[in-house]
Amino acid sequence: MSDNKNTNPLATNNNAAPATRLSMQNLGKRYGKRWVVKDVSFSVEQGQVVGLLGPNGAGKTTSFYMVVGLVNMDKGRVTLGKMDLSKYAMHERARAGIGYLPQEASIFRKLSIEDNILAILETRKELNKSEQKQELEKLIGEFHLEHVRKSLGMSVSGGERRRCEIARALAADPKFILLDEPFAGVDPISVGDIKDVILTLKNRGIGVLITDHNVRDTLAICEKAYIVSEGAIIAEGTSSEVLENELVKAVYLGKDFHV
């Protein structure tokens, strides 16, 4: 996808530069004298699903957290279109259009499902009460939460919780969503539900970056994947290209792995 005019119908900031790409350029992180991430570069287009994968201790989580803003980078840049986010705090990146869904449950346990979503919609000052209600109904319907809309966050299933959390992230009107271990802690049926949700995000023109230990399900949903090992990108490409890469097999997947 080229850097053409943003066609995302959810975009509300008309003064912002067109944001078709989230780019990470030469990211580096050092602890003491040791560089745990070394010149890592990757990107996500709007409407694209990308995986950031690698063995434990490879530097993928640190790289992911530098994009989110949870870890400060020692070198490199994070840009959204023409906007440099490198010095932005996490909440400032969120306002710029970078949504984040952590691995841990982030649902408000003592609020109902609809109030979880409404709590975010009410921060959208460009929406009046009627428009907030319309957005709420749209998200409740789109993520099949009607039957649990009055249920407390603490009482719903893992898959329902995940759908609520993603709906709540969408309530903030992001251009990109970063998913940290989206398949963790959900049953096999719910894994299918989460894949459907990710496709929904893609179809809405939202770019999705996933990091997950569930390599099989992540590769099955991604259009492109980057493999990190020893703090550097060792391979990138489609799922098929990554699966056929001999270095990836040697250091990460093993010879007999298949999707």
Foldseek 3Di string as FASTA:
>chain_A
DDQDAAPQPLDDPPPDRRFFKKKWFQWWDDDVNDILAGGAIDMWGFLFEEEEEEDPSLCSVVVLCQQQQNDQTPDTFIDGSPRTCNPPHNVRVLLVFEAEDAPDQPFPQAAFLLVSQLVLLVVPVVDDPVRSVVLSVVLCVVLVPVVRRRPGLNPDAPLSSLSSSVSSSCSSSHQEYEYEASVPPHDPVSLVSVLVVVNVSSVSRHIYYYYHPPVASSLVNHQKYFYGGSNYTPDMGHSVVLLPDPVCCVRPVPDPDDD
